[in-house]
Protein backbone atom coordinates (compact mmCIF):
# COMPACT_ATOMS: atom_id res chain seq x y z
CA MET A 1 54.09 103.18 55.89
CA ALA A 2 55.57 106.95 55.98
CA MET A 3 57.21 108.45 58.57
CA ILE A 4 55.93 111.31 60.62
CA GLU A 5 57.93 113.70 62.08
CA LEU A 6 57.10 114.53 65.75
CA LYS A 7 58.06 118.27 67.00
CA ILE A 8 57.51 118.46 70.91
CA PRO A 9 57.85 122.14 72.01
CA THR A 10 59.58 122.29 75.30
CA PRO A 11 60.13 125.28 77.78
CA ASP A 12 62.93 127.44 77.79
CA TYR A 13 63.54 127.11 81.33
CA GLY A 14 61.48 126.01 84.51
CA ASP A 15 61.68 126.98 87.98
CA ILE A 16 62.08 124.84 91.32
CA VAL A 17 61.48 126.89 94.34
CA ILE A 18 62.00 125.46 97.94
CA VAL A 19 60.14 127.38 100.35
CA GLY A 20 60.22 126.70 104.40
CA GLY A 21 61.38 127.95 107.55
CA THR A 22 64.83 128.76 108.70
CA GLN A 23 67.25 125.91 109.43
CA ILE A 24 65.24 123.11 107.77
CA GLY A 25 67.64 121.93 105.12
CA LYS A 26 66.15 123.84 102.07
CA THR A 27 69.59 124.60 100.74
CA ILE A 28 70.99 121.02 101.14
CA VAL A 29 67.74 119.64 99.18
CA ALA A 30 68.17 122.22 96.80
CA HIS A 31 71.79 121.15 95.94
CA LYS A 32 70.71 117.69 95.90
CA ILE A 33 67.96 118.54 93.09
CA ALA A 34 70.62 120.43 91.39
CA LYS A 35 73.15 117.78 91.28
CA MET A 36 70.59 115.17 90.08
CA LEU A 37 69.43 117.49 87.09
CA ARG A 38 72.85 117.83 85.98
CA GLU A 39 74.37 114.11 86.51
CA GLU A 40 71.28 112.02 85.60
CA PHE A 41 69.69 114.38 82.94
CA GLY A 42 72.43 116.38 81.65
CA ALA A 43 70.75 119.73 82.50
CA GLN A 44 71.78 123.15 82.62
CA VAL A 45 71.28 124.27 86.23
CA ILE A 46 71.58 127.99 87.28
CA GLU A 47 71.92 128.52 91.20
CA SER A 48 70.71 131.57 92.92
CA GLN A 49 73.49 133.69 94.39
CA ASP A 50 72.33 132.39 97.88
CA MET A 51 72.79 128.86 96.98
CA ARG A 52 76.43 129.47 95.64
CA GLU A 53 77.45 131.65 98.97
CA ASP A 54 75.78 128.81 101.19
CA GLU A 55 78.27 125.96 101.03
CA ALA A 56 75.82 123.47 103.06
CA GLY A 57 75.30 120.44 100.94
CA SER A 58 77.93 120.91 98.45
CA ASP A 59 79.61 117.81 96.87
CA ALA A 60 82.91 119.01 98.44
CA ARG A 61 81.90 117.18 101.76
CA GLU A 62 79.60 114.70 103.34
CA LEU A 63 76.46 116.05 105.24
CA ALA A 64 77.26 116.14 108.96
CA GLU A 65 74.88 113.53 111.18
CA TRP A 66 72.86 116.91 112.38
CA GLU A 67 72.21 117.89 108.71
CA ARG A 68 70.85 114.33 107.65
CA LYS A 69 68.56 114.48 110.90
CA MET A 70 67.34 117.98 110.18
CA ILE A 71 66.21 117.03 106.62
CA LYS A 72 64.73 113.67 107.65
CA GLY A 73 62.92 115.23 110.48
CA THR A 74 61.15 117.73 107.93
CA CYS A 75 58.09 116.66 106.32
CA TRP A 76 58.62 117.77 102.48
CA ARG A 77 55.25 118.57 100.64
CA MET A 78 55.99 118.29 97.11
CA HIS A 79 53.60 120.10 94.46
CA GLU A 80 53.39 120.38 90.75
CA LYS A 81 51.89 123.46 89.13
CA GLY A 82 52.06 124.47 85.52
CA ILE A 83 51.61 128.01 84.36
């Protein structure tokens, strides 16, 4: 049986957008997603300047109890949409 070369095109980039009200934990969740993409998949992640300037959720420290409660108390709706 002959081998077949399979080529699957992959997009150059993807966007993950987290939208919501003030003080619901968007940056913390974004940092956790970025960390997972880097560590579990070896992906390159480009963070916005706002994320880089905001240290909330950084790996440099543990989340405070109030931050955990804030994120837990928010209902996170997840959507996937192709273009």
